[in-house]
Amino acid sequence: MAEGDLTENMQRLSEENARMKETLEEIERAIAPFLEKRKSSQPRKFEDQLLHDVRNILNELGLLRALMPDDEPENGQVQ
């Protein structure tokens, strides 16, 4: 890969990283009022706690979907 391509790729990734960080900070500001004020039993950085919470939510949704199979189309047909 040419040095120019590497530099361009690095610049693009840096800009994408900055946008992702801004988005994460925006999410943190939006949900801060709803977070518990007490310390968690496992101290985590905000990013790690957010990832943990999203995984928990997805797991819960998966369990709910398993409990309510009528919500999904039968035989892969879209209604």
C-alpha atoms as a PDB file:
ATOM      1  CA  MET A   1       0.000   0.000   0.000  1.00  0.00           C
ATOM      2  CA  ALA A   2       1.403   3.407  -0.893  1.00  0.00           C
ATOM      3  CA  GLU A   3       2.320   5.838   1.876  1.00  0.00           C
ATOM      4  CA  GLY A   4      -0.279   8.292   0.569  1.00  0.00           C
ATOM      5  CA  ASP A   5      -2.991   5.639   0.885  1.00  0.00           C
ATOM      6  CA  LEU A   6      -1.875   4.824   4.425  1.00  0.00           C
ATOM      7  CA  THR A   7      -1.946   8.482   5.400  1.00  0.00           C
ATOM      8  CA  GLU A   8      -5.388   8.937   3.866  1.00  0.00           C
ATOM      9  CA  ASN A   9      -6.676   5.789   5.587  1.00  0.00           C
ATOM     10  CA  MET A  10      -5.241   6.932   8.942  1.00  0.00           C
ATOM     11  CA  GLN A  11      -6.878  10.356   8.523  1.00  0.00           C
ATOM     12  CA  ARG A  12     -10.237   8.769   7.686  1.00  0.00           C
ATOM     13  CA  LEU A  13     -10.051   6.440  10.684  1.00  0.00           C
ATOM     14  CA  SER A  14      -9.063   9.321  12.974  1.00  0.00           C
ATOM     15  CA  GLU A  15     -12.067  11.351  11.826  1.00  0.00           C
ATOM     16  CA  GLU A  16     -14.370   8.351  12.270  1.00  0.00           C
ATOM     17  CA  ASN A  17     -12.964   7.754  15.751  1.00  0.00           C
ATOM     18  CA  ALA A  18     -13.601  11.401  16.675  1.00  0.00           C
ATOM     19  CA  ARG A  19     -17.219  11.162  15.451  1.00  0.00           C
ATOM     20  CA  MET A  20     -17.764   7.957  17.426  1.00  0.00           C
ATOM     21  CA  LYS A  21     -16.341   9.580  20.565  1.00  0.00           C
ATOM     22  CA  GLU A  22     -18.631  12.603  20.120  1.00  0.00           C
ATOM     23  CA  THR A  23     -21.608  10.265  19.728  1.00  0.00           C
ATOM     24  CA  LEU A  24     -20.662   8.364  22.864  1.00  0.00           C
ATOM     25  CA  GLU A  25     -20.349  11.622  24.809  1.00  0.00           C
ATOM     26  CA  GLU A  26     -23.767  12.697  23.502  1.00  0.00           C
ATOM     27  CA  ILE A  27     -25.263   9.386  24.676  1.00  0.00           C
ATOM     28  CA  GLU A  28     -23.627   9.855  28.076  1.00  0.00           C
ATOM     29  CA  ARG A  29     -25.145  13.348  28.427  1.00  0.00           C
ATOM     30  CA  ALA A  30     -28.571  12.082  27.350  1.00  0.00           C
ATOM     31  CA  ILE A  31     -28.742   9.191  29.801  1.00  0.00           C
ATOM     32  CA  ALA A  32     -26.857  10.775  32.732  1.00  0.00           C
ATOM     33  CA  PRO A  33     -30.081  11.948  34.459  1.00  0.00           C
ATOM     34  CA  PHE A  34     -31.369   8.362  34.490  1.00  0.00           C
ATOM     35  CA  LEU A  35     -28.255   6.715  35.896  1.00  0.00           C
ATOM     36  CA  GLU A  36     -28.212   5.694  39.521  1.00  0.00           C
ATOM     37  CA  LYS A  37     -26.204   7.959  41.770  1.00  0.00           C
ATOM     38  CA  ARG A  38     -24.812   5.119  43.911  1.00  0.00           C
ATOM     39  CA  LYS A  39     -21.566   3.404  43.063  1.00  0.00           C
ATOM     40  CA  SER A  40     -21.827   0.136  41.159  1.00  0.00           C
ATOM     41  CA  SER A  41     -20.494  -3.033  42.714  1.00  0.00           C
ATOM     42  CA  GLN A  42     -18.054  -3.349  39.815  1.00  0.00           C
ATOM     43  CA  PRO A  43     -16.377  -0.062  38.964  1.00  0.00           C
ATOM     44  CA  ARG A  44     -16.283   0.376  35.187  1.00  0.00           C
ATOM     45  CA  LYS A  45     -15.500   3.188  32.825  1.00  0.00           C
ATOM     46  CA  PHE A  46     -18.619   4.717  31.268  1.00  0.00           C
ATOM     47  CA  GLU A  47     -17.899   3.082  27.905  1.00  0.00           C
ATOM     48  CA  ASP A  48     -17.541  -0.363  29.490  1.00  0.00           C
ATOM     49  CA  GLN A  49     -20.728   0.086  31.548  1.00  0.00           C
ATOM     50  CA  LEU A  50     -22.658   1.217  28.458  1.00  0.00           C
ATOM     51  CA  LEU A  51     -21.484  -1.848  26.538  1.00  0.00           C
ATOM     52  CA  HIS A  52     -22.455  -4.067  29.485  1.00  0.00           C
ATOM     53  CA  ASP A  53     -25.924  -2.483  29.678  1.00  0.00           C
ATOM     54  CA  VAL A  54     -26.525  -2.782  25.917  1.00  0.00           C
ATOM     55  CA  ARG A  55     -25.570  -6.463  26.038  1.00  0.00           C
ATOM     56  CA  ASN A  56     -27.992  -6.984  28.926  1.00  0.00           C
ATOM     57  CA  ILE A  57     -30.781  -5.245  27.024  1.00  0.00           C
ATOM     58  CA  LEU A  58     -30.148  -7.339  23.914  1.00  0.00           C
ATOM     59  CA  ASN A  59     -30.159 -10.491  26.018  1.00  0.00           C
ATOM     60  CA  GLU A  60     -33.461  -9.456  27.602  1.00  0.00           C
ATOM     61  CA  LEU A  61     -34.977  -8.746  24.191  1.00  0.00           C
ATOM     62  CA  GLY A  62     -33.827 -12.159  23.021  1.00  0.00           C
ATOM     63  CA  LEU A  63     -35.543 -13.758  25.996  1.00  0.00           C
ATOM     64  CA  LEU A  64     -38.700 -11.775  25.378  1.00  0.00           C
ATOM     65  CA  ARG A  65     -38.681 -12.796  21.721  1.00  0.00           C
ATOM     66  CA  ALA A  66     -38.331 -16.438  22.768  1.00  0.00           C
ATOM     67  CA  LEU A  67     -41.336 -16.045  25.065  1.00  0.00           C
ATOM     68  CA  MET A  68     -43.445 -14.353  22.363  1.00  0.00           C
ATOM     69  CA  PRO A  69     -42.845 -16.296  19.112  1.00  0.00           C
ATOM     70  CA  ASP A  70     -46.105 -15.028  17.574  1.00  0.00           C
ATOM     71  CA  ASP A  71     -44.466 -11.654  16.905  1.00  0.00           C
ATOM     72  CA  GLU A  72     -42.230 -13.088  14.197  1.00  0.00           C
ATOM     73  CA  PRO A  73     -43.518 -13.908  10.686  1.00  0.00           C
ATOM     74  CA  GLU A  74     -44.041 -17.581  10.022  1.00  0.00           C
ATOM     75  CA  ASN A  75     -41.946 -19.444   7.428  1.00  0.00           C
ATOM     76  CA  GLY A  76     -39.771 -16.383   6.832  1.00  0.00           C
ATOM     77  CA  GLN A  77     -42.621 -14.553   5.075  1.00  0.00           C
ATOM     78  CA  VAL A  78     -42.761 -10.789   5.453  1.00  0.00           C
ATOM     79  CA  GLN A  79     -46.205  -9.463   6.227  1.00  0.00           C
END
